[in-house]
Protein backbone atom coordinates (compact mmCIF):
# COMPACT_ATOMS: atom_id res chain seq x y z
CA MET A 1 8.15 -2.70 -51.88
CA LEU A 2 10.00 -5.86 -50.84
CA ALA A 3 8.68 -9.18 -52.17
CA GLU A 4 8.22 -10.34 -48.58
CA PRO A 5 7.10 -7.31 -46.54
CA ARG A 6 9.33 -6.65 -43.53
CA LEU A 7 8.61 -4.33 -40.63
CA LEU A 8 10.87 -3.01 -37.90
CA VAL A 9 9.25 -1.92 -34.63
CA VAL A 10 11.34 0.30 -32.34
CA ASP A 11 9.73 1.09 -29.00
CA ASP A 12 11.09 0.95 -25.45
CA GLU A 13 7.79 -0.59 -24.30
CA GLU A 14 7.63 -4.36 -24.85
CA LEU A 15 3.83 -4.14 -24.90
CA TYR A 16 3.81 -2.20 -28.18
CA CYS A 17 6.65 -4.17 -29.74
CA GLU A 18 4.92 -7.46 -29.10
CA ALA A 19 1.47 -6.14 -30.09
CA CYS A 20 2.80 -4.99 -33.47
CA ARG A 21 4.60 -8.29 -33.97
CA ARG A 22 1.37 -10.26 -33.37
CA ILE A 23 -0.77 -7.99 -35.52
CA PHE A 24 1.47 -8.00 -38.58
CA SER A 25 3.03 -11.46 -38.44
CA ARG A 26 -0.44 -13.00 -38.87
CA GLN A 27 -0.88 -10.79 -41.94
CA GLY A 28 2.19 -12.31 -43.61
CA PHE A 29 4.78 -9.70 -42.58
CA VAL A 30 8.22 -10.54 -41.24
CA VAL A 31 8.48 -8.44 -38.07
CA GLU A 32 11.62 -7.52 -36.16
CA LYS A 33 11.51 -5.50 -32.97
CA SER A 34 13.86 -3.62 -30.67
CA GLN A 35 13.28 -1.96 -27.31
CA ASP A 36 16.66 -0.24 -27.57
CA ALA A 37 16.67 2.76 -29.91
CA ARG A 38 20.38 2.51 -30.69
CA ARG A 39 20.13 -1.18 -31.54
CA GLY A 40 17.02 -0.40 -33.59
CA LEU A 41 18.96 2.22 -35.55
CA GLU A 42 21.66 -0.35 -36.32
CA LEU A 43 19.00 -2.72 -37.67
CA ALA A 44 17.35 0.05 -39.70
CA GLU A 45 20.65 1.10 -41.29
CA SER A 46 21.88 -2.41 -42.11
CA ASN A 47 18.64 -4.03 -43.36
CA ASP A 48 15.92 -3.22 -45.87
CA TYR A 49 12.40 -2.79 -44.43
CA SER A 50 9.08 -2.08 -46.06
CA ALA A 51 8.36 0.31 -43.17
CA ILE A 52 9.57 1.21 -39.69
CA LEU A 53 7.24 1.80 -36.74
CA LEU A 54 9.04 4.21 -34.43
CA ASP A 55 8.15 5.42 -30.95
CA VAL A 56 8.68 9.16 -30.38
CA ARG A 57 9.57 9.18 -26.68
CA MET A 58 12.38 6.79 -25.76
CA PRO A 59 15.30 7.01 -23.30
CA GLU A 60 18.81 7.74 -24.60
CA MET A 61 17.57 8.53 -28.11
CA ASP A 62 14.12 9.86 -28.98
CA GLY A 63 12.29 9.17 -32.21
CA LEU A 64 13.27 12.45 -33.90
CA GLU A 65 16.98 11.90 -33.23
CA PHE A 66 16.61 8.33 -34.50
CA LEU A 67 14.95 9.63 -37.65
CA ARG A 68 17.62 12.31 -38.17
CA ASN A 69 20.40 9.72 -38.00
CA LEU A 70 18.51 7.29 -40.21
CA ARG A 71 17.97 9.83 -42.99
CA SER A 72 21.74 10.19 -43.51
CA THR A 73 21.93 6.56 -44.68
CA LYS A 74 18.33 5.63 -45.59
CA PRO A 75 16.66 8.78 -46.93
CA ASP A 76 13.58 7.05 -48.34
CA VAL A 77 12.56 4.21 -46.01
CA PRO A 78 8.96 4.84 -44.83
CA VAL A 79 8.66 5.64 -41.11
CA ILE A 80 5.46 5.80 -39.07
CA LEU A 81 5.82 7.58 -35.74
CA MET A 82 3.96 6.23 -32.72
CA THR A 83 3.14 8.77 -30.01
CA GLY A 84 0.97 9.24 -26.97
CA PHE A 85 0.31 12.82 -28.10
CA PRO A 86 -1.58 13.62 -31.31
CA THR A 87 0.28 16.92 -31.67
CA ILE A 88 3.91 15.82 -31.78
CA PRO A 89 6.52 18.16 -30.29
CA GLY A 90 8.83 18.99 -33.13
CA ALA A 91 6.19 18.17 -35.77
CA ALA A 92 7.97 20.48 -38.22
CA SER A 93 11.18 18.48 -37.74
CA ALA A 94 9.29 15.25 -38.30
CA VAL A 95 7.93 16.58 -41.58
CA ARG A 96 11.35 17.83 -42.64
CA LEU A 97 12.82 14.41 -41.89
CA LYS A 98 10.14 12.82 -44.07
CA ALA A 99 8.13 10.94 -41.44
CA SER A 100 5.42 9.24 -43.49
CA ASP A 101 2.62 9.22 -40.92
CA TYR A 102 1.90 8.94 -37.23
CA VAL A 103 -0.54 7.01 -35.04
CA THR A 104 -1.65 7.94 -31.56
CA LYS A 105 -1.17 5.58 -28.63
CA PRO A 106 -3.04 3.61 -27.53
CA PHE A 107 -4.02 2.40 -30.98
CA THR A 108 -6.21 -0.49 -32.06
CA PRO A 109 -5.05 -3.29 -34.39
CA GLU A 110 -7.27 -1.77 -37.07
CA GLU A 111 -5.68 1.69 -36.77
CA ILE A 112 -2.06 0.54 -37.01
CA THR A 113 -2.90 -1.89 -39.83
CA GLN A 114 -4.65 0.82 -41.81
CA ALA A 115 -1.67 3.18 -41.37
CA VAL A 116 0.81 0.57 -42.64
CA ARG A 117 -1.40 -0.62 -45.52
CA ASN A 118 -2.10 2.95 -46.66
CA LEU A 119 1.61 3.71 -46.54
CA LEU A 120 2.66 0.68 -48.56
CA ASN A 121 -0.05 1.31 -51.16
CA ARG A 122 0.76 5.01 -51.50
CA GLY A 123 1.44 5.91 -55.10
CA LYS A 124 0.31 2.54 -56.36
CA PRO A 125 -2.85 1.91 -58.40
CA ALA A 126 -5.77 0.73 -56.29
CA PRO A 127 -5.61 -3.09 -56.07
CA VAL A 128 -9.07 -3.91 -57.39
CA ALA A 129 -9.58 -7.59 -58.16
CA ALA A 130 -12.02 -9.13 -60.63
CA GLY A 131 -13.61 -12.37 -59.51
CA ALA A 132 -12.78 -14.84 -62.28
CA ALA A 133 -9.26 -13.55 -62.99
CA ASP A 134 -8.15 -13.07 -59.40
CA PRO A 135 -5.18 -15.28 -58.40
CA TRP A 136 -6.31 -15.56 -54.76
CA THR A 137 -6.04 -19.15 -53.47
CA PRO A 138 -8.07 -20.43 -50.51
CA ALA A 139 -6.15 -22.00 -47.63
CA SER A 140 -8.96 -24.56 -47.26
CA SER A 141 -12.44 -25.19 -48.59
CA GLU A 142 -14.02 -24.27 -45.24
CA VAL A 143 -16.36 -21.29 -45.17
CA ARG A 144 -17.74 -19.90 -41.89
CA PHE A 145 -20.61 -17.54 -41.23
CA LEU A 146 -21.69 -14.63 -39.10
CA GLY A 147 -25.39 -14.58 -39.86
CA ARG A 148 -25.65 -14.28 -43.64
CA SER A 149 -22.06 -13.12 -44.06
CA TRP A 150 -19.21 -15.54 -44.74
CA ALA A 151 -15.43 -15.63 -44.54
CA GLN A 152 -12.80 -17.90 -46.05
CA PRO A 153 -9.03 -17.78 -45.34
CA GLY A 154 -6.49 -17.54 -48.15
CA VAL A 155 -2.93 -18.84 -48.39
CA ASP A 156 -1.68 -15.22 -48.47
CA THR A 157 -3.22 -14.62 -44.98
CA THR A 158 -6.02 -12.43 -46.36
CA PHE A 159 -9.64 -13.50 -46.05
CA ARG A 160 -12.30 -13.28 -48.69
CA VAL A 161 -15.67 -12.19 -47.31
CA GLY A 162 -19.15 -11.94 -48.73
CA ALA A 163 -22.77 -12.76 -48.05
CA VAL A 164 -25.24 -15.47 -49.03
CA LEU A 165 -28.56 -13.75 -49.51
CA PRO A 166 -31.92 -15.33 -50.39
CA ARG A 167 -33.08 -14.47 -53.86
CA SER A 168 -36.12 -12.55 -52.57
CA ARG A 169 -33.89 -10.30 -50.43
CA VAL A 170 -31.76 -9.26 -53.41
CA GLY A 171 -34.88 -8.94 -55.52
CA ASN A 172 -34.55 -6.50 -58.39
CA SER A 173 -31.65 -4.58 -56.89
CA MET A 174 -29.86 -2.62 -59.58
CA ALA A 175 -26.51 -2.25 -57.81
CA ALA A 176 -24.52 -2.85 -54.63
CA THR A 177 -22.31 -0.38 -52.77
CA LEU A 178 -19.01 -1.99 -51.84
CA PRO A 179 -16.40 -0.96 -49.25
CA ARG A 180 -13.42 1.13 -50.31
CA ILE A 181 -9.87 -0.11 -50.73
CA GLY A 182 -7.96 0.84 -47.55
CA GLU A 183 -11.13 1.22 -45.49
CA VAL A 184 -11.36 -0.39 -42.05
CA VAL A 185 -14.35 -2.69 -41.60
CA TYR A 186 -15.43 -4.06 -38.24
CA ARG A 187 -16.99 -7.38 -37.34
CA GLY A 188 -20.77 -6.97 -37.24
CA LEU A 189 -20.76 -3.57 -39.00
CA PRO A 190 -21.61 -2.80 -42.64
CA LEU A 191 -19.64 -4.47 -45.41
CA MET A 192 -21.96 -3.86 -48.35
CA ASP A 193 -25.21 -2.04 -49.09
CA LEU A 194 -27.82 -3.19 -51.60
CA ASN A 195 -29.74 -0.38 -53.25
CA ILE A 196 -33.26 -1.65 -52.68
CA ALA A 197 -35.84 1.03 -52.01
CA GLY A 198 -37.91 0.51 -48.89
CA ASP A 199 -35.98 -2.48 -47.51
CA PRO A 200 -34.64 -1.69 -44.01
CA CYS A 201 -32.49 -4.86 -43.96
CA ARG A 202 -30.39 -4.24 -47.04
CA VAL A 203 -26.99 -4.18 -45.29
CA ALA A 204 -24.63 -7.16 -45.18
CA VAL A 205 -22.20 -7.02 -42.26
CA SER A 206 -18.54 -7.98 -42.16
CA PRO A 207 -17.73 -11.27 -40.39
CA LEU A 208 -14.20 -10.02 -39.56
CA SER A 209 -12.45 -6.80 -38.60
CA GLY A 210 -9.63 -5.64 -40.83
CA VAL A 211 -8.51 -3.48 -43.72
CA VAL A 212 -10.02 -3.91 -47.18
CA VAL A 213 -7.26 -4.75 -49.66
CA ALA A 214 -9.42 -5.69 -52.68
CA VAL A 215 -13.04 -5.60 -53.82
CA ASN A 216 -14.96 -7.52 -56.45
CA PRO A 217 -16.45 -5.03 -58.93
CA ALA A 218 -18.61 -7.73 -60.52
CA VAL A 219 -20.91 -7.74 -57.46
CA ALA A 220 -21.57 -4.01 -57.76
CA ASP A 221 -23.09 -4.47 -61.21
CA HIS A 222 -24.51 -7.98 -60.75
CA PRO A 223 -25.99 -8.37 -57.23
CA GLU A 224 -27.62 -11.63 -58.35
CA LEU A 225 -24.21 -13.25 -57.72
CA LEU A 226 -25.07 -13.00 -54.02
CA TRP A 227 -27.61 -15.78 -54.43
CA SER A 228 -26.46 -17.59 -57.56
CA ARG A 229 -22.68 -17.94 -56.90
CA PRO A 230 -22.10 -16.17 -53.59
CA CYS A 231 -19.03 -18.11 -52.40
CA SER A 232 -17.10 -18.02 -55.68
CA ASP A 233 -17.74 -15.28 -58.24
CA GLY A 234 -19.92 -13.39 -55.73
CA TRP A 235 -17.26 -12.61 -53.12
CA VAL A 236 -17.42 -9.00 -51.99
CA ALA A 237 -14.01 -8.05 -50.58
CA ALA A 238 -10.61 -9.32 -49.50
CA ILE A 239 -9.59 -8.27 -45.99
CA ALA A 240 -6.27 -8.13 -44.19
CA PRO A 241 -7.66 -9.26 -40.83
CA THR A 242 -6.55 -7.67 -37.57
CA ARG A 243 -8.00 -10.30 -35.22
CA PRO A 244 -8.13 -13.39 -37.45
CA GLU A 245 -8.07 -16.19 -34.88
CA GLU A 246 -10.54 -14.50 -32.54
CA HIS A 247 -13.11 -13.58 -35.17
CA TRP A 248 -12.72 -16.77 -37.22
CA ASN A 249 -13.48 -18.81 -34.10
CA LEU A 250 -16.61 -16.73 -33.49
CA CYS A 251 -17.94 -17.61 -36.95
CA ARG A 252 -19.84 -20.86 -37.46
CA PRO A 253 -19.89 -23.38 -40.31
CA ARG A 254 -23.13 -24.27 -42.03
CA ASN A 255 -23.19 -28.04 -41.70
CA VAL A 256 -25.76 -29.95 -43.75
CA ILE A 257 -26.52 -33.68 -43.62
CA LEU A 258 -27.77 -34.72 -47.04
CA VAL A 259 -29.81 -37.91 -46.64
CA SER A 260 -29.97 -39.70 -49.98
CA ARG A 261 -29.62 -43.17 -51.49
CA ASP A 262 -28.82 -41.78 -54.94
CA SER A 263 -25.08 -41.02 -54.92
CA THR A 264 -25.14 -39.30 -58.31
CA ALA A 265 -27.97 -36.88 -57.44
CA ALA A 266 -26.48 -36.34 -53.98
CA GLY A 267 -23.15 -35.35 -55.51
CA VAL A 268 -24.81 -32.71 -57.69
CA GLN A 269 -26.81 -31.35 -54.74
CA ALA A 270 -23.73 -31.32 -52.51
CA ARG A 271 -21.82 -29.20 -55.02
CA GLN A 272 -24.72 -26.75 -55.21
CA LEU A 273 -24.88 -26.52 -51.42
CA ALA A 274 -21.11 -26.01 -51.24
CA GLU A 275 -21.49 -23.03 -53.57
CA LEU A 276 -23.80 -21.59 -50.91
CA GLY A 277 -21.15 -22.06 -48.24
CA CYS A 278 -22.45 -25.33 -46.76
CA ARG A 279 -20.25 -28.15 -45.53
CA VAL A 280 -22.10 -31.27 -46.69
CA ARG A 281 -22.06 -34.80 -45.33
CA ILE A 282 -23.93 -37.42 -47.38
CA GLU A 283 -25.60 -40.26 -45.46
CA ALA A 284 -27.53 -43.21 -46.90
CA ASP A 285 -28.02 -45.09 -43.62
CA ALA A 286 -30.49 -44.22 -40.85
CA ALA A 287 -28.14 -44.96 -37.95
CA ALA A 288 -25.30 -42.93 -39.47
CA MET A 289 -27.73 -40.09 -40.18
CA VAL A 290 -28.85 -39.93 -36.53
CA ALA A 291 -25.27 -40.16 -35.25
CA ALA A 292 -24.24 -37.25 -37.49
CA ALA A 293 -27.19 -35.16 -36.28
CA LEU A 294 -26.34 -35.84 -32.63
CA ASN A 295 -22.79 -34.56 -33.18
CA ASP A 296 -23.91 -31.25 -34.67
CA GLU A 297 -24.70 -28.16 -32.60
CA GLN A 298 -27.23 -26.93 -35.16
CA PRO A 299 -28.37 -30.05 -37.03
CA VAL A 300 -29.82 -29.41 -40.48
CA LEU A 301 -30.91 -32.37 -42.60
CA ILE A 302 -32.03 -32.45 -46.23
CA PHE A 303 -34.01 -35.52 -47.28
CA ASP A 304 -34.04 -36.55 -50.94
CA GLU A 305 -37.59 -37.88 -51.18
CA ALA A 306 -37.19 -39.54 -54.58
CA SER A 307 -34.27 -41.74 -53.50
CA LEU A 308 -35.53 -42.56 -50.00
CA GLY A 309 -39.01 -43.61 -51.07
CA ALA A 310 -41.12 -45.14 -48.30
CA TYR A 311 -38.14 -45.16 -45.89
CA GLY A 312 -38.04 -41.35 -45.76
CA PRO A 313 -41.01 -40.56 -43.44
CA ALA A 314 -39.89 -43.22 -40.94
CA TRP A 315 -36.35 -41.83 -40.93
CA ALA A 316 -37.73 -38.30 -40.46
CA GLU A 317 -39.72 -39.53 -37.46
CA ARG A 318 -36.59 -41.14 -36.02
CA VAL A 319 -34.71 -37.86 -36.30
CA LYS A 320 -37.58 -36.00 -34.65
CA MET A 321 -37.65 -38.40 -31.70
CA THR A 322 -33.86 -38.57 -31.24
CA VAL A 323 -32.77 -35.00 -32.09
CA PRO A 324 -35.75 -32.68 -31.43
CA ALA A 325 -33.73 -29.57 -32.27
CA ALA A 326 -32.96 -30.79 -35.80
CA LYS A 327 -34.42 -28.95 -38.78
CA THR A 328 -35.45 -31.12 -41.70
CA LEU A 329 -36.00 -30.04 -45.30
CA VAL A 330 -37.55 -32.50 -47.74
CA LEU A 331 -36.70 -32.22 -51.44
CA GLY A 332 -40.13 -33.16 -52.68
CA ALA A 333 -41.43 -34.43 -55.99
CA ASP A 334 -44.63 -33.65 -57.88
CA ASN A 335 -47.62 -35.80 -56.83
CA SER A 336 -45.59 -37.58 -54.17
CA PRO A 337 -47.39 -40.34 -52.25
CA TRP A 338 -45.28 -39.55 -49.16
CA GLU A 339 -45.83 -35.80 -48.83
CA THR A 340 -48.61 -36.19 -46.26
CA ALA A 341 -46.54 -38.59 -44.16
CA TYR A 342 -43.64 -36.14 -44.11
CA ARG A 343 -45.84 -33.21 -43.15
CA GLN A 344 -47.28 -35.21 -40.26
CA GLN A 345 -43.76 -35.28 -38.81
CA LYS A 346 -43.85 -31.47 -38.62
CA ILE A 347 -40.75 -31.12 -40.73
CA PHE A 348 -39.24 -27.66 -41.14
CA PHE A 349 -39.98 -27.31 -44.86
CA TYR A 350 -41.21 -29.29 -47.85
CA ALA A 351 -40.00 -27.96 -51.20
CA ILE A 352 -40.56 -29.04 -54.80
CA ARG A 353 -37.28 -28.93 -56.75
CA PRO A 354 -35.84 -25.97 -54.75
CA PHE A 355 -32.47 -26.11 -56.52
CA GLU A 356 -33.97 -25.29 -59.90
CA ASP A 357 -35.14 -21.74 -59.06
CA TYR A 358 -32.81 -20.94 -56.15
CA GLU A 359 -35.60 -21.42 -53.61
CA ILE A 360 -32.94 -23.32 -51.69
CA THR A 361 -31.39 -19.94 -50.76
CA GLU A 362 -34.66 -18.96 -49.06
CA VAL A 363 -34.90 -22.22 -47.14
CA LEU A 364 -31.29 -22.22 -45.96
CA ASP A 365 -31.67 -18.62 -44.85
CA ALA A 366 -34.72 -19.57 -42.76
CA MET A 367 -32.84 -22.53 -41.27
CA PHE A 368 -29.58 -20.78 -40.39
CA CYS A 369 -30.81 -17.20 -39.87
CA PRO A 370 -34.23 -17.60 -38.22
CA GLY A 371 -34.26 -13.96 -37.16
CA ALA A 372 -32.03 -11.20 -35.86
CA ARG A 373 -31.70 -10.66 -32.16
CA SER A 374 -34.59 -8.71 -30.83
CA ALA A 375 -34.05 -5.03 -30.27
CA ALA A 376 -33.31 -3.77 -26.79
CA PRO A 377 -36.61 -3.16 -24.97
CA GLU A 378 -37.86 0.39 -25.20
CA ALA A 379 -39.21 1.99 -22.06
CA ALA A 380 -42.71 3.36 -22.25
CA ARG A 381 -41.67 6.66 -20.71
CA SER A 382 -39.66 9.26 -22.63
CA PRO A 383 -39.18 7.03 -25.69
CA SER A 384 -37.13 9.60 -27.59
CA GLU A 385 -35.25 11.31 -24.76
CA PRO A 386 -31.72 12.21 -25.93
CA MET A 387 -28.70 11.06 -23.95
CA ARG A 388 -25.53 13.16 -23.73
CA GLY A 389 -23.34 10.62 -22.02
CA ILE A 390 -22.75 7.46 -19.99
CA LEU A 391 -20.19 7.18 -17.19
CA VAL A 392 -18.93 3.62 -16.72
CA ARG A 393 -16.60 1.97 -14.22
CA ASN A 394 -15.19 -1.04 -16.08
CA HIS A 395 -13.87 -4.27 -14.55
CA GLN A 396 -10.32 -2.84 -14.47
CA GLY A 397 -11.61 -0.10 -12.16
CA ARG A 398 -11.13 2.61 -14.80
CA LYS A 399 -13.60 5.45 -15.24
CA ILE A 400 -14.79 5.60 -18.87
CA TYR A 401 -17.09 8.26 -20.30
CA LEU A 402 -19.04 7.86 -23.53
CA ALA A 403 -20.01 11.31 -24.78
CA ALA A 404 -22.72 11.66 -27.43
CA PHE A 405 -23.38 14.89 -29.30
CA ASP A 406 -26.24 16.42 -31.29
CA GLY A 407 -28.80 13.81 -30.26
CA ALA A 408 -26.76 10.88 -31.55
CA LEU A 409 -28.08 8.54 -28.84
CA ARG A 410 -31.45 8.02 -27.19
CA ALA A 411 -31.74 6.60 -23.71
CA HIS A 412 -34.61 4.20 -24.35
CA ARG A 413 -34.40 3.31 -28.01
CA GLY A 414 -32.02 2.37 -30.78
CA LEU A 415 -28.26 2.40 -30.29
CA GLY A 416 -28.29 4.22 -26.93
CA CYS A 417 -30.65 1.66 -25.43
CA ALA A 418 -28.63 -1.25 -26.86
CA ILE A 419 -25.38 0.13 -25.38
CA ARG A 420 -26.91 0.62 -21.94
CA LYS A 421 -28.40 -2.87 -21.95
CA ARG A 422 -25.06 -4.50 -22.84
CA LEU A 423 -23.22 -2.57 -20.15
CA LEU A 424 -25.74 -3.69 -17.56
CA ASP A 425 -25.61 -7.27 -18.85
CA ARG A 426 -21.85 -7.18 -18.12
CA LEU A 427 -22.66 -5.98 -14.57
CA LEU A 428 -20.84 -2.70 -15.17
CA PRO A 429 -22.13 0.21 -13.02
CA ILE A 430 -23.28 3.11 -15.18
CA GLU A 431 -24.59 6.64 -14.74
CA THR A 432 -26.70 7.98 -17.60
CA TYR A 433 -26.78 11.72 -18.31
CA LEU A 434 -29.78 12.92 -20.30
CA GLY A 435 -30.01 15.94 -22.55
CA ASP A 436 -29.01 17.11 -26.01
CA LYS A 437 -25.91 19.22 -26.57
CA PRO A 438 -23.69 20.21 -29.50
CA PHE A 439 -20.00 19.35 -29.62
CA ASP A 440 -17.88 21.75 -27.54
CA PRO A 441 -14.11 21.01 -27.81
CA ALA A 442 -13.14 22.93 -24.67
CA GLU A 443 -15.80 21.30 -22.51
CA THR A 444 -14.99 17.85 -23.90
CA LEU A 445 -11.30 18.29 -23.10
CA LYS A 446 -12.26 19.41 -19.59
CA THR A 447 -14.40 16.30 -19.11
CA ALA A 448 -11.60 14.07 -20.40
CA LYS A 449 -9.34 15.27 -17.57
CA THR A 450 -11.77 13.84 -14.99
CA VAL A 451 -11.84 10.27 -16.39
CA ASP A 452 -9.36 7.61 -17.49
CA HIS A 453 -10.67 7.52 -21.07
CA LEU A 454 -13.29 9.43 -23.03
CA PHE A 455 -15.03 8.11 -26.14
CA ALA A 456 -16.68 10.87 -28.20
CA LEU A 457 -19.44 9.64 -30.51
CA MET A 458 -20.52 11.89 -33.36
CA VAL A 459 -22.82 11.52 -36.34
CA LYS A 460 -21.24 12.60 -39.60
CA ASP A 461 -22.17 12.22 -43.25
CA MET A 462 -19.06 10.69 -44.83
CA GLY A 463 -20.76 9.37 -47.96
CA ARG A 464 -20.46 5.77 -46.75
CA ILE A 465 -22.80 2.90 -46.00
CA PRO A 466 -25.19 3.83 -43.15
CA GLY A 467 -23.85 2.54 -39.85
CA THR A 468 -20.17 2.65 -40.94
CA LEU A 469 -17.88 3.62 -38.05
CA VAL A 470 -14.70 5.62 -38.66
CA ARG A 471 -12.19 6.75 -36.05
CA GLU A 472 -11.41 10.45 -36.32
CA GLN A 473 -9.46 11.29 -39.46
CA GLU A 474 -9.37 15.06 -39.00
CA ASN A 475 -9.12 17.66 -36.24
CA HIS A 476 -11.85 20.06 -35.22
CA ALA A 477 -11.14 23.73 -34.67
CA GLY A 478 -10.03 24.22 -31.08
CA TRP A 479 -9.70 20.48 -30.60
CA THR A 480 -6.04 19.84 -31.38
CA GLU A 481 -4.38 22.04 -28.78
CA GLY A 482 -4.17 20.29 -25.45
CA ARG A 483 -5.96 17.17 -26.55
CA GLY A 484 -4.78 14.21 -24.50
CA SER A 485 -4.18 10.65 -25.57
CA ASN A 486 -7.12 9.40 -23.49
CA ILE A 487 -9.68 10.54 -26.08
CA THR A 488 -11.08 8.38 -28.88
CA VAL A 489 -13.42 9.93 -31.45
CA TRP A 490 -15.89 7.84 -33.43
CA HIS A 491 -17.83 9.12 -36.44
CA ILE A 492 -20.88 7.10 -37.52
CA GLN A 493 -22.52 7.43 -40.92
CA PRO A 494 -26.27 8.14 -40.52
CA GLU A 495 -29.12 7.19 -42.81
CA ALA A 496 -29.78 9.59 -45.66
CA GLN A 497 -33.06 10.75 -44.07
CA GLY A 498 -31.54 12.69 -41.19
CA PRO A 499 -28.55 13.48 -38.98
CA ARG A 500 -29.29 10.94 -36.24
CA LEU A 501 -28.89 7.19 -36.07
CA GLU A 502 -32.56 6.32 -35.98
CA GLY A 503 -33.62 4.09 -38.82
CA LEU A 504 -30.42 2.03 -39.00
CA PRO A 505 -31.04 -1.70 -39.54
CA LEU A 506 -31.28 -3.67 -36.32
CA ALA A 507 -28.26 -5.82 -37.23
CA THR A 508 -26.17 -2.65 -37.63
CA ILE A 509 -27.33 -1.27 -34.28
CA GLU A 510 -26.43 -4.57 -32.62
CA GLY A 511 -22.99 -4.57 -34.26
CA LEU A 512 -22.27 -0.97 -33.25
CA ALA A 513 -23.35 -1.63 -29.67
CA ASP A 514 -21.16 -4.75 -29.46
CA LEU A 515 -18.06 -2.90 -30.70
CA ILE A 516 -18.57 0.20 -28.53
CA VAL A 517 -19.22 -1.78 -25.35
CA GLU A 518 -16.24 -4.07 -26.01
CA GLU A 519 -13.93 -1.07 -26.27
CA ILE A 520 -15.40 0.54 -23.14
CA ALA A 521 -15.01 -2.70 -21.19
CA ASN A 522 -11.35 -3.11 -22.22
CA ALA A 523 -10.23 0.54 -22.17
């Protein structure tokens, strides 16, 4: 592989050329593009590329003719075919001409990224990184969060991701299940699973969508890193992001105002908070403290009782009167004469030496993650009625059908209810079809011909973290022939207890619903 990965995109449609350029240039690739197949062939023959993305159907010269000419001069350059048809005419020729892979149009950023990454890593040892020895360098010290999960950009355009979990949540977990190298992870869907019996909230979600390029094996054997050193040695995975700007901007920093008149102690506490992903501002003046709180969307203040002395309760009262939404934690001392005065201000929490036993992870979790979004309301009638599909007219005027098989969705509970609620919140007209039916390829293909796009949702045990979503990797019997490009198939990993999606953590249900509705709305 070239030291600086280079891609060539050859497609007569500017939409796909430009989409590939955006997707891969922000991952550190040098991308060249051509809408003219003959000009593209000249580029391919005269330059060295890590891979070529090649459209199959083009005027003047189609993809197979392009590939045939290319193989006479460049027999080994990897080529990924892009086609609107999953069964390519002349597939035997494509294989004979050593096409490396193909992707079906329209594809998502995650699909095309996964195809390229898998191709470039083919035949290479899996790039597993160990925390302390890994050469990864952060682009900045800033860490941002989606709930308990964090992300940090690197100078190589990858992001490290992980989770800051309170010590009680990790508990006596013996191991963690990490994502796989080459696996696609989606924002809001499972990144990691802690093996804690009886805990329904053991899943940490990914703050970004992208392809996993490295994992940290130390976390699998030592889950305590998730509360002791979560933002350094406790990182979970490195991701090649597919929507970096969009998802990074949706994440939020954890800003903390540390109110202290002891600069030495404050410096130690600030470093400990930074290890937990916090961006710390130290203030020793009441006016500056209030000004900082007023400028923060989610003001969190930590008062160092020992250094503030008698000033502390009065300053806490000033914060309460000026910034009612602020949350205040007091780092208390044994037998403090000011504890009662602080508690009278109805502060958020009073803790005795919380940094010494990692109680600070519990308090920060309560401050920044006060609770997951409530589940979609369940109707009193027919609480477990299965739903076989939803017909949607999106804002582009396109008819979209979400087909669910084998009782995957319920109309008034769980994922099915969450999807319906989000569609209605977007003011999208829907028709809900009730009933339970097995997957029938012929009938599904027939339905697909009556709509602009069909999404088929299936439950499948893939041996992955419950709630993991995977776009179809294999063909069903009777499914390949005649299948159009307007069908997308999703497989979702169920809980171990049964074949349906009931029992998934609420955060996972919310993440799945967000992703599915976003794709329906933009199809």
